[in-house]
Amino acid sequence: MNELLLNTARQTLLLELQEASHLPDRLGDAFLRAAHAIIACQGKVIVSGIGKSGHIGRKIAATLASTGTPAFFVHAAEALHGDLGMIESRDVLLFISYSGSAKELELILPRLEERGVVLLAMTGKPLSQLGLAAKAILDISVEREACPMSLAPTSSTVNTLMLGDALAMAIMQARGFNEEDFARSHPAGALGARLLNRVHHLMRKEDVPHVHIDATVMDAMLELSRTGLGMVAICDDNDRIKGIFSDGDLRRWLVAGGILGAPVSEAMTKGGITLNAESRAIDAKETLMKRKISAAPVVDDNGKLVGAINLQAFYQAGII
């Protein structure tokens, strides 16, 4: 029994891979027409299908929507009971049907033609009713389904999924869609946290640890203890940072025999690492990690102190 299970699984994968291997050679003018139609679309891309094609269509619509192309899925049967009202003349309809002869097409195609909707087809039968009506055909045909009875859509659904991904990725690249664009449509995910957050979103804005340049080491030490961030910004009269005084600076000062009543300017690290409030949080975190420091003051574009941040703030925001 176990050997049968493994052999059938292996055979299924090999057959699906074999069929999918033909897809790159099918890319040509029809693929370009489909891609250009979607890029030029002034409305939305509606993906439709029924049965297994519908399930794959939902995924293709979701991939298009998350990569810069407004898109949604409409079930072919539901389209005939009111959902056709969602489709406008400026839209593009991508219909998926391996046979190209789904019964719903007999009623849907005339309505699309009346409205001047651009029709694209993903089908295994280019000469079908769907194929002949479409502006461009994406060929998902297979010689053999991976199903041992050649009945259940298997190789053909893999082809559909892969060709849909190829179309979405090509269009995404053509639009110049980048990581930050992707993050905006996934704001709750890890990528959104990494790319959308700026330092000012995460920094401490109140009770920022700092002392004046004329303060003593004792003053800075008390500020260290009070705020618990591990560092204190040393500022001039205009809140511009002249240096950083950290826990490490305090230890080194005391070990060297320095006194607490000395000016902090003698014990601080001159200049020091600062972060810009508008910089990306992920870049700021990498700066801290690279410099092997746990916290830093935050400045605005004019170099004035506006906050402070430590590594813990990045971890809490999901920036790992």
Protein backbone atom coordinates (compact mmCIF):
# COMPACT_ATOMS: atom_id res chain seq x y z
CA MET A 1 0.00 0.00 0.00
CA ASN A 2 2.73 2.48 0.96
CA GLU A 3 4.66 1.78 -2.22
CA LEU A 4 1.51 2.30 -4.28
CA LEU A 5 0.88 5.65 -2.60
CA LEU A 6 4.42 6.86 -3.22
CA ASN A 7 4.56 5.64 -6.82
CA THR A 8 1.24 7.28 -7.68
CA ALA A 9 2.34 10.55 -6.07
CA ARG A 10 5.65 10.52 -7.95
CA GLN A 11 3.92 9.71 -11.25
CA THR A 12 1.46 12.56 -10.69
CA LEU A 13 4.22 15.07 -10.09
CA LEU A 14 6.27 13.87 -13.05
CA LEU A 15 3.31 14.08 -15.41
CA GLU A 16 2.34 17.57 -14.22
CA LEU A 17 5.93 18.77 -14.54
CA GLN A 18 6.18 17.29 -18.03
CA GLU A 19 3.04 19.07 -19.18
CA ALA A 20 4.07 22.35 -17.55
CA SER A 21 7.45 22.19 -19.28
CA HIS A 22 5.73 23.00 -22.59
CA LEU A 23 4.37 26.35 -21.37
CA PRO A 24 7.47 28.53 -21.97
CA ASP A 25 7.48 27.57 -25.66
CA ARG A 26 3.87 28.75 -26.03
CA LEU A 27 4.60 32.30 -24.97
CA GLY A 28 4.39 34.65 -27.91
CA ASP A 29 2.09 37.14 -29.61
CA ALA A 30 -1.07 35.90 -27.85
CA PHE A 31 0.55 36.29 -24.44
CA LEU A 32 1.71 39.79 -25.37
CA ARG A 33 -1.78 40.77 -26.54
CA ALA A 34 -3.24 39.58 -23.25
CA ALA A 35 -0.60 41.38 -21.19
CA HIS A 36 -0.97 44.65 -23.12
CA ALA A 37 -4.76 44.49 -22.84
CA ILE A 38 -4.48 44.25 -19.05
CA ILE A 39 -1.83 46.96 -18.81
CA ALA A 40 -3.99 49.30 -20.92
CA CYS A 41 -7.16 48.45 -18.97
CA GLN A 42 -8.78 51.57 -17.51
CA GLY A 43 -11.06 49.58 -15.24
CA LYS A 44 -10.63 46.26 -13.52
CA VAL A 45 -9.60 42.77 -14.53
CA ILE A 46 -12.39 40.31 -13.82
CA VAL A 47 -11.40 36.66 -13.71
CA SER A 48 -14.18 34.13 -14.22
CA GLY A 49 -14.61 30.39 -14.47
CA ILE A 50 -16.52 27.47 -13.07
CA GLY A 51 -15.55 24.29 -11.26
CA LYS A 52 -11.81 23.72 -10.82
CA SER A 53 -11.14 26.57 -13.25
CA GLY A 54 -13.03 28.86 -10.89
CA HIS A 55 -10.88 27.83 -7.93
CA ILE A 56 -7.70 28.58 -9.88
CA GLY A 57 -9.26 31.79 -11.16
CA ARG A 58 -9.75 33.06 -7.62
CA LYS A 59 -6.04 32.63 -6.99
CA ILE A 60 -5.07 34.36 -10.25
CA ALA A 61 -7.34 37.31 -9.43
CA ALA A 62 -5.82 37.56 -5.96
CA THR A 63 -2.29 37.48 -7.38
CA LEU A 64 -3.10 40.22 -9.89
CA ALA A 65 -4.70 42.38 -7.20
CA SER A 66 -1.74 42.04 -4.84
CA THR A 67 0.79 42.91 -7.55
CA GLY A 68 -0.65 46.18 -8.82
CA THR A 69 -3.54 45.20 -11.10
CA PRO A 70 -7.04 45.87 -9.70
CA ALA A 71 -8.79 42.52 -10.10
CA PHE A 72 -11.48 40.31 -8.60
CA PHE A 73 -13.16 36.99 -9.30
CA VAL A 74 -16.74 36.49 -10.49
CA HIS A 75 -18.18 32.99 -10.60
CA ALA A 76 -19.60 32.27 -14.06
CA ALA A 77 -22.93 31.03 -12.69
CA GLU A 78 -23.29 34.04 -10.40
CA ALA A 79 -22.55 36.31 -13.34
CA LEU A 80 -25.81 35.14 -14.92
CA HIS A 81 -27.77 36.03 -11.80
CA GLY A 82 -26.78 39.64 -11.32
CA ASP A 83 -23.00 39.74 -11.09
CA LEU A 84 -22.66 40.73 -14.74
CA GLY A 85 -23.61 44.16 -13.43
CA MET A 86 -20.11 44.36 -11.94
CA ILE A 87 -18.54 44.31 -15.38
CA GLU A 88 -18.21 47.58 -17.30
CA SER A 89 -17.09 48.45 -20.80
CA ARG A 90 -13.67 49.61 -19.61
CA ASP A 91 -12.95 46.28 -17.90
CA VAL A 92 -11.10 43.20 -19.12
CA LEU A 93 -12.57 39.74 -18.55
CA LEU A 94 -10.24 36.76 -18.29
CA PHE A 95 -12.40 33.63 -18.66
CA ILE A 96 -10.96 30.23 -17.75
CA SER A 97 -12.45 27.10 -19.28
CA TYR A 98 -10.41 24.15 -20.50
CA SER A 99 -13.13 23.01 -22.91
CA GLY A 100 -14.07 26.56 -23.87
CA SER A 101 -17.66 25.43 -24.13
CA ALA A 102 -19.12 25.98 -20.67
CA LYS A 103 -22.89 26.41 -20.92
CA GLU A 104 -22.69 29.78 -19.18
CA LEU A 105 -20.70 31.18 -22.10
CA GLU A 106 -23.70 31.05 -24.42
CA LEU A 107 -25.37 33.74 -22.32
CA ILE A 108 -22.28 35.61 -21.10
CA LEU A 109 -20.48 36.20 -24.42
CA PRO A 110 -23.29 38.21 -26.11
CA ARG A 111 -23.55 40.46 -23.05
CA LEU A 112 -19.81 41.11 -23.10
CA GLU A 113 -19.90 41.93 -26.81
CA GLU A 114 -22.77 44.38 -26.26
CA ARG A 115 -20.73 46.24 -23.66
CA GLY A 116 -17.48 46.15 -25.59
CA VAL A 117 -15.65 44.31 -22.81
CA VAL A 118 -12.25 42.95 -23.82
CA LEU A 119 -12.31 39.15 -23.50
CA LEU A 120 -9.21 37.06 -22.83
CA ALA A 121 -9.32 33.28 -22.67
CA MET A 122 -7.38 30.61 -20.84
CA THR A 123 -8.41 27.40 -22.58
CA GLY A 124 -7.12 24.13 -23.91
CA LYS A 125 -9.33 24.36 -26.99
CA PRO A 126 -8.42 27.42 -29.13
CA LEU A 127 -11.18 26.67 -31.68
CA SER A 128 -13.91 26.50 -29.04
CA GLN A 129 -16.68 29.05 -28.61
CA LEU A 130 -14.56 30.84 -25.99
CA GLY A 131 -11.36 30.71 -28.03
CA LEU A 132 -12.97 32.14 -31.16
CA ALA A 133 -14.55 35.03 -29.24
CA ALA A 134 -11.41 36.04 -27.32
CA LYS A 135 -8.97 38.79 -28.23
CA ALA A 136 -6.12 36.60 -27.01
CA ILE A 137 -5.84 32.94 -26.02
CA LEU A 138 -3.54 31.62 -23.33
CA ASP A 139 -3.05 27.96 -24.21
CA ILE A 140 -3.33 25.65 -21.18
CA SER A 141 -3.76 22.43 -23.18
CA VAL A 142 -2.26 19.16 -22.00
CA GLU A 143 -1.67 15.81 -23.68
CA ARG A 144 -2.56 13.95 -20.52
CA GLU A 145 -4.04 14.75 -17.15
CA ALA A 146 -2.12 13.36 -14.18
CA CYS A 147 -5.30 11.65 -12.96
CA PRO A 148 -4.89 7.86 -13.57
CA MET A 149 -8.36 7.89 -15.19
CA SER A 150 -7.55 11.09 -17.14
CA LEU A 151 -10.71 12.61 -15.72
CA ALA A 152 -9.90 14.91 -12.79
CA PRO A 153 -8.36 18.24 -13.88
CA THR A 154 -4.78 18.00 -12.62
CA SER A 155 -2.11 18.79 -15.22
CA SER A 156 -4.45 21.31 -16.82
CA THR A 157 -5.10 23.16 -13.54
CA VAL A 158 -1.35 23.30 -12.88
CA ASN A 159 -0.87 24.81 -16.33
CA THR A 160 -3.61 27.33 -15.63
CA LEU A 161 -2.08 28.35 -12.33
CA MET A 162 1.42 28.67 -13.74
CA LEU A 163 0.36 30.64 -16.81
CA GLY A 164 -1.68 32.94 -14.57
CA ASP A 165 1.36 33.54 -12.41
CA ALA A 166 3.50 34.20 -15.48
CA LEU A 167 0.98 36.77 -16.71
CA ALA A 168 0.77 38.50 -13.32
CA MET A 169 4.55 38.63 -12.86
CA ALA A 170 5.16 39.96 -16.37
CA ILE A 171 2.59 42.72 -15.86
CA MET A 172 3.97 43.52 -12.42
CA GLN A 173 7.44 44.02 -13.88
CA ALA A 174 6.08 46.13 -16.74
CA ARG A 175 4.30 48.41 -14.26
CA GLY A 176 7.48 48.86 -12.21
CA PHE A 177 5.67 47.45 -9.17
CA ASN A 178 8.20 47.17 -6.31
CA GLU A 179 8.53 45.83 -2.77
CA GLU A 180 7.03 48.89 -1.14
CA ASP A 181 4.04 48.80 -3.49
CA PHE A 182 3.55 45.15 -2.55
CA ALA A 183 3.81 45.98 1.15
CA ARG A 184 1.04 48.59 0.86
CA SER A 185 -1.39 45.86 -0.14
CA HIS A 186 -0.10 43.63 2.69
CA PRO A 187 0.15 46.12 5.57
CA ALA A 188 -0.56 43.54 8.28
CA GLY A 189 2.10 41.08 7.14
CA ALA A 190 5.76 40.82 8.01
CA LEU A 191 6.71 42.50 4.74
CA GLY A 192 4.45 45.43 5.52
CA ALA A 193 6.08 45.86 8.91
CA ARG A 194 9.54 45.76 7.34
CA LEU A 195 8.92 48.15 4.47
CA LEU A 196 6.15 50.53 5.52
CA ASN A 197 7.27 51.49 9.02
CA ARG A 198 9.49 54.52 9.40
CA VAL A 199 11.60 55.27 12.43
CA HIS A 200 9.19 57.97 13.62
CA HIS A 201 6.40 55.37 13.75
CA LEU A 202 8.30 53.31 16.34
CA MET A 203 10.51 55.75 18.25
CA ARG A 204 10.03 57.07 21.75
CA LYS A 205 8.74 60.62 21.37
CA GLU A 206 8.15 61.48 25.00
CA ASP A 207 10.71 61.45 27.80
CA VAL A 208 13.60 61.22 25.33
CA PRO A 209 16.91 60.73 27.22
CA HIS A 210 19.07 63.83 26.80
CA VAL A 211 21.12 66.37 28.73
CA HIS A 212 22.77 69.67 27.83
CA ILE A 213 26.38 69.76 26.71
CA ASP A 214 27.24 71.64 29.95
CA ALA A 215 25.91 68.80 32.15
CA THR A 216 28.14 66.60 34.29
CA VAL A 217 28.78 62.89 34.08
CA MET A 218 26.58 62.57 37.18
CA ASP A 219 23.70 64.30 35.37
CA ALA A 220 24.05 61.97 32.39
CA MET A 221 24.27 58.92 34.65
CA LEU A 222 21.04 59.89 36.40
CA GLU A 223 19.36 60.38 33.03
CA LEU A 224 20.58 56.94 31.96
CA SER A 225 19.06 55.42 35.07
CA ARG A 226 15.79 57.36 34.78
CA THR A 227 15.01 56.57 31.15
CA GLY A 228 16.47 53.06 30.92
CA LEU A 229 17.27 53.22 27.21
CA GLY A 230 20.99 52.64 27.60
CA MET A 231 22.08 55.94 26.10
CA VAL A 232 21.68 59.69 26.52
CA ALA A 233 21.89 62.32 23.78
CA ILE A 234 24.16 65.26 24.58
CA CYS A 235 22.67 68.38 22.99
CA ASP A 236 23.51 72.04 22.48
CA ASP A 237 21.16 74.98 22.97
CA ASN A 238 19.44 74.21 19.63
CA ASP A 239 18.81 70.53 20.44
CA ARG A 240 21.47 69.45 17.99
CA ILE A 241 23.36 66.37 19.08
CA LYS A 242 27.01 66.86 19.98
CA GLY A 243 27.59 63.36 21.28
CA ILE A 244 26.20 60.20 22.88
CA PHE A 245 26.74 59.00 26.43
CA SER A 246 26.01 55.31 26.88
CA ASP A 247 26.24 52.68 29.61
CA GLY A 248 29.52 51.64 28.03
CA ASP A 249 30.87 55.19 28.13
CA LEU A 250 30.02 55.37 31.84
CA ARG A 251 31.82 52.11 32.62
CA ARG A 252 34.90 53.12 30.65
CA TRP A 253 34.95 56.52 32.36
CA LEU A 254 34.78 55.07 35.84
CA VAL A 255 37.33 52.30 35.15
CA ALA A 256 39.75 54.95 33.89
CA GLY A 257 39.37 56.85 37.19
CA GLY A 258 37.11 59.60 35.91
CA ILE A 259 35.03 61.54 38.42
CA LEU A 260 31.27 62.01 38.31
CA GLY A 261 31.54 65.76 38.62
CA ALA A 262 33.47 66.12 35.35
CA PRO A 263 31.79 67.60 32.27
CA VAL A 264 29.97 64.92 30.30
CA SER A 265 31.62 66.27 27.15
CA GLU A 266 34.84 64.64 28.37
CA ALA A 267 33.26 61.20 28.76
CA MET A 268 30.83 61.08 25.85
CA THR A 269 31.35 59.58 22.40
CA LYS A 270 31.63 62.64 20.19
CA GLY A 271 29.16 62.68 17.29
CA GLY A 272 27.84 59.17 17.71
CA ILE A 273 25.28 57.27 15.66
CA THR A 274 21.96 59.01 15.03
CA LEU A 275 18.96 57.85 13.02
CA ASN A 276 16.75 59.98 10.79
CA ALA A 277 13.07 60.00 11.73
CA GLU A 278 12.00 59.51 8.10
CA SER A 279 14.29 56.57 7.33
CA ARG A 280 12.85 53.10 6.89
CA ALA A 281 12.67 51.16 10.13
CA ILE A 282 14.33 48.11 8.58
CA ASP A 283 17.30 50.21 7.45
CA ALA A 284 17.61 51.80 10.90
CA LYS A 285 17.57 48.40 12.57
CA GLU A 286 20.30 47.16 10.25
CA THR A 287 22.39 50.22 11.15
CA LEU A 288 22.13 49.44 14.85
CA MET A 289 22.94 45.77 14.28
CA LYS A 290 25.93 46.57 12.09
CA ARG A 291 27.34 49.05 14.61
CA LYS A 292 26.59 46.63 17.48
CA ILE A 293 24.63 49.18 19.48
CA SER A 294 21.25 48.69 21.11
CA ALA A 295 19.81 52.23 20.96
CA ALA A 296 20.26 55.58 19.26
CA PRO A 297 18.78 59.08 19.28
CA VAL A 298 16.53 60.11 16.37
CA VAL A 299 16.86 63.43 14.56
CA ASP A 300 14.77 65.29 11.98
CA ASP A 301 16.03 66.54 8.61
CA ASN A 302 17.52 69.59 10.36
CA GLY A 303 19.53 67.45 12.76
CA LYS A 304 17.43 68.27 15.82
CA LEU A 305 16.65 65.65 18.44
CA VAL A 306 13.05 64.39 18.09
CA GLY A 307 13.12 60.94 19.69
CA ALA A 308 15.03 57.81 20.58
CA ILE A 309 14.72 54.15 19.69
CA ASN A 310 16.18 50.80 20.70
CA LEU A 311 16.25 47.35 19.12
CA GLN A 312 13.37 46.16 21.26
CA ALA A 313 11.04 48.61 19.48
CA PHE A 314 11.86 46.99 16.13
CA TYR A 315 11.27 43.47 17.45
CA GLN A 316 7.93 44.47 18.97
CA ALA A 317 6.85 45.85 15.58
CA GLY A 318 7.64 42.52 13.90
CA ILE A 319 10.79 43.76 12.17
CA ILE A 320 13.09 40.81 12.63
